[in-house]
């Protein structure tokens, strides 16, 4: 389980998407930190960027962080599904270094 804390004052309200039914959605990204910070946070949260924002290398708007909680000394992550085709039998997906972001 990962507990997330968001700083709502940092949210760009113009990025809230509204549906015809009146629902409101705000897309975020939760990513694993390279190193645990001084407060024990293992994840960082930022606004989802459009393709144009990523291509322009716009600075990410960080809006929160989170901590992974482990219960009974067991990892709670779902197992990685095995790949099909030429990748059959892989335990983890291959690393792709040429991603555009």
C-alpha atoms as a PDB file:
ATOM      1  CA  UNK A   1       0.000   0.000   0.000  1.00  0.00           C
ATOM      2  CA  UNK A   2       1.225   3.505  -0.760  1.00  0.00           C
ATOM      3  CA  UNK A   3      -0.157   6.428   1.261  1.00  0.00           C
ATOM      4  CA  UNK A   4      -0.115   9.661  -0.763  1.00  0.00           C
ATOM      5  CA  UNK A   5      -0.275  13.222   0.567  1.00  0.00           C
ATOM      6  CA  UNK A   6      -1.159  15.988  -1.932  1.00  0.00           C
ATOM      7  CA  UNK A   7      -0.614  19.718  -1.517  1.00  0.00           C
ATOM      8  CA  UNK A   8      -3.909  20.938  -2.992  1.00  0.00           C
ATOM      9  CA  UNK A   9      -2.639  24.526  -3.179  1.00  0.00           C
ATOM     10  CA  UNK A  10      -0.155  23.397  -5.887  1.00  0.00           C
ATOM     11  CA  UNK A  11      -2.780  21.889  -8.192  1.00  0.00           C
ATOM     12  CA  UNK A  12      -3.247  23.682 -11.515  1.00  0.00           C
ATOM     13  CA  UNK A  13      -7.043  24.034 -11.473  1.00  0.00           C
ATOM     14  CA  UNK A  14      -7.110  24.529 -15.264  1.00  0.00           C
ATOM     15  CA  UNK A  15      -6.052  20.876 -15.656  1.00  0.00           C
ATOM     16  CA  UNK A  16      -9.181  19.551 -13.955  1.00  0.00           C
ATOM     17  CA  UNK A  17     -11.222  17.748 -16.602  1.00  0.00           C
ATOM     18  CA  UNK A  18     -15.014  17.915 -16.360  1.00  0.00           C
ATOM     19  CA  UNK A  19     -17.363  15.362 -17.895  1.00  0.00           C
ATOM     20  CA  UNK A  20     -20.897  15.849 -19.196  1.00  0.00           C
ATOM     21  CA  UNK A  21     -22.156  14.109 -16.052  1.00  0.00           C
ATOM     22  CA  UNK A  22     -20.475  16.720 -13.840  1.00  0.00           C
ATOM     23  CA  UNK A  23     -17.629  14.503 -12.694  1.00  0.00           C
ATOM     24  CA  UNK A  24     -14.213  16.096 -12.283  1.00  0.00           C
ATOM     25  CA  UNK A  25     -10.902  14.335 -12.927  1.00  0.00           C
ATOM     26  CA  UNK A  26      -7.322  15.402 -12.322  1.00  0.00           C
ATOM     27  CA  UNK A  27      -4.568  13.236 -13.781  1.00  0.00           C
ATOM     28  CA  UNK A  28      -1.480  12.638 -11.664  1.00  0.00           C
ATOM     29  CA  UNK A  29       1.665  10.535 -11.890  1.00  0.00           C
ATOM     30  CA  UNK A  30       3.024   8.576  -8.918  1.00  0.00           C
ATOM     31  CA  UNK A  31       6.662   7.609  -9.373  1.00  0.00           C
ATOM     32  CA  UNK A  32       9.180   5.774  -7.208  1.00  0.00           C
ATOM     33  CA  UNK A  33      11.882   8.033  -5.764  1.00  0.00           C
ATOM     34  CA  UNK A  34      15.513   7.156  -6.483  1.00  0.00           C
ATOM     35  CA  UNK A  35      16.283   7.563  -2.779  1.00  0.00           C
ATOM     36  CA  UNK A  36      14.084   7.681   0.302  1.00  0.00           C
ATOM     37  CA  UNK A  37      13.908  11.257   1.649  1.00  0.00           C
ATOM     38  CA  UNK A  38      14.480  12.351   5.254  1.00  0.00           C
ATOM     39  CA  UNK A  39      10.777  11.810   6.044  1.00  0.00           C
ATOM     40  CA  UNK A  40      10.741   8.243   4.724  1.00  0.00           C
ATOM     41  CA  UNK A  41       8.890   9.090   1.502  1.00  0.00           C
ATOM     42  CA  UNK A  42       9.426   6.472  -1.190  1.00  0.00           C
ATOM     43  CA  UNK A  43       7.261   8.022  -3.934  1.00  0.00           C
ATOM     44  CA  UNK A  44       6.738  11.417  -5.520  1.00  0.00           C
ATOM     45  CA  UNK A  45       3.574  12.788  -7.132  1.00  0.00           C
ATOM     46  CA  UNK A  46       3.314  15.292  -9.963  1.00  0.00           C
ATOM     47  CA  UNK A  47       0.768  16.533 -12.486  1.00  0.00           C
ATOM     48  CA  UNK A  48       0.375  14.553 -15.647  1.00  0.00           C
ATOM     49  CA  UNK A  49       1.840  16.450 -18.606  1.00  0.00           C
ATOM     50  CA  UNK A  50       0.482  16.685 -22.131  1.00  0.00           C
ATOM     51  CA  UNK A  51       2.558  15.432 -25.040  1.00  0.00           C
ATOM     52  CA  UNK A  52       3.322  19.054 -25.951  1.00  0.00           C
ATOM     53  CA  UNK A  53       4.505  19.846 -22.412  1.00  0.00           C
ATOM     54  CA  UNK A  54       6.786  16.793 -22.400  1.00  0.00           C
ATOM     55  CA  UNK A  55       8.217  17.653 -25.845  1.00  0.00           C
ATOM     56  CA  UNK A  56       8.877  21.228 -24.688  1.00  0.00           C
ATOM     57  CA  UNK A  57      10.590  19.764 -21.596  1.00  0.00           C
ATOM     58  CA  UNK A  58       8.366  21.846 -19.332  1.00  0.00           C
ATOM     59  CA  UNK A  59       9.253  21.549 -15.641  1.00  0.00           C
ATOM     60  CA  UNK A  60       7.093  19.044 -13.774  1.00  0.00           C
ATOM     61  CA  UNK A  61       4.707  20.451 -11.172  1.00  0.00           C
ATOM     62  CA  UNK A  62       5.370  18.364  -8.049  1.00  0.00           C
ATOM     63  CA  UNK A  63       2.267  18.253  -5.859  1.00  0.00           C
ATOM     64  CA  UNK A  64       2.976  15.630  -3.212  1.00  0.00           C
ATOM     65  CA  UNK A  65       4.757  12.552  -1.997  1.00  0.00           C
ATOM     66  CA  UNK A  66       4.040   9.176  -0.477  1.00  0.00           C
ATOM     67  CA  UNK A  67       5.308   6.318   1.627  1.00  0.00           C
ATOM     68  CA  UNK A  68       5.051   2.638   0.903  1.00  0.00           C
ATOM     69  CA  UNK A  69       3.670   0.668   3.825  1.00  0.00           C
ATOM     70  CA  UNK A  70       4.435  -3.033   4.110  1.00  0.00           C
ATOM     71  CA  UNK A  71       2.286  -5.282   6.276  1.00  0.00           C
ATOM     72  CA  UNK A  72       3.353  -8.628   7.754  1.00  0.00           C
ATOM     73  CA  UNK A  73       6.830  -8.121   6.256  1.00  0.00           C
ATOM     74  CA  UNK A  74       5.444  -8.898   2.807  1.00  0.00           C
ATOM     75  CA  UNK A  75       5.465  -6.749  -0.296  1.00  0.00           C
ATOM     76  CA  UNK A  76       1.904  -5.929  -1.365  1.00  0.00           C
ATOM     77  CA  UNK A  77       2.649  -5.372  -5.066  1.00  0.00           C
ATOM     78  CA  UNK A  78       0.885  -7.530  -7.633  1.00  0.00           C
ATOM     79  CA  UNK A  79       3.120 -10.050  -9.400  1.00  0.00           C
ATOM     80  CA  UNK A  80       4.497  -9.041 -12.789  1.00  0.00           C
ATOM     81  CA  UNK A  81       2.643 -10.789 -15.608  1.00  0.00           C
ATOM     82  CA  UNK A  82       4.776 -12.868 -17.891  1.00  0.00           C
ATOM     83  CA  UNK A  83       5.315 -11.490 -21.369  1.00  0.00           C
ATOM     84  CA  UNK A  84       4.022 -13.267 -24.458  1.00  0.00           C
ATOM     85  CA  UNK A  85       5.678 -13.957 -27.775  1.00  0.00           C
ATOM     86  CA  UNK A  86       9.462 -13.509 -28.014  1.00  0.00           C
ATOM     87  CA  UNK A  87       9.576 -12.285 -24.412  1.00  0.00           C
ATOM     88  CA  UNK A  88       7.934 -15.399 -22.928  1.00  0.00           C
ATOM     89  CA  UNK A  89       9.359 -16.318 -19.552  1.00  0.00           C
ATOM     90  CA  UNK A  90      10.618 -12.837 -18.583  1.00  0.00           C
ATOM     91  CA  UNK A  91       9.956 -11.947 -14.981  1.00  0.00           C
ATOM     92  CA  UNK A  92      10.232  -8.210 -15.633  1.00  0.00           C
ATOM     93  CA  UNK A  93       9.765  -6.126 -18.779  1.00  0.00           C
ATOM     94  CA  UNK A  94      12.907  -5.101 -20.681  1.00  0.00           C
ATOM     95  CA  UNK A  95      14.517  -1.725 -19.986  1.00  0.00           C
ATOM     96  CA  UNK A  96      13.902   0.787 -22.765  1.00  0.00           C
ATOM     97  CA  UNK A  97      16.452   3.601 -22.805  1.00  0.00           C
ATOM     98  CA  UNK A  98      15.161   5.584 -25.786  1.00  0.00           C
ATOM     99  CA  UNK A  99      11.895   6.806 -24.241  1.00  0.00           C
ATOM    100  CA  UNK A 100      10.999  10.404 -25.210  1.00  0.00           C
ATOM    101  CA  UNK A 101      10.582  11.511 -21.590  1.00  0.00           C
END
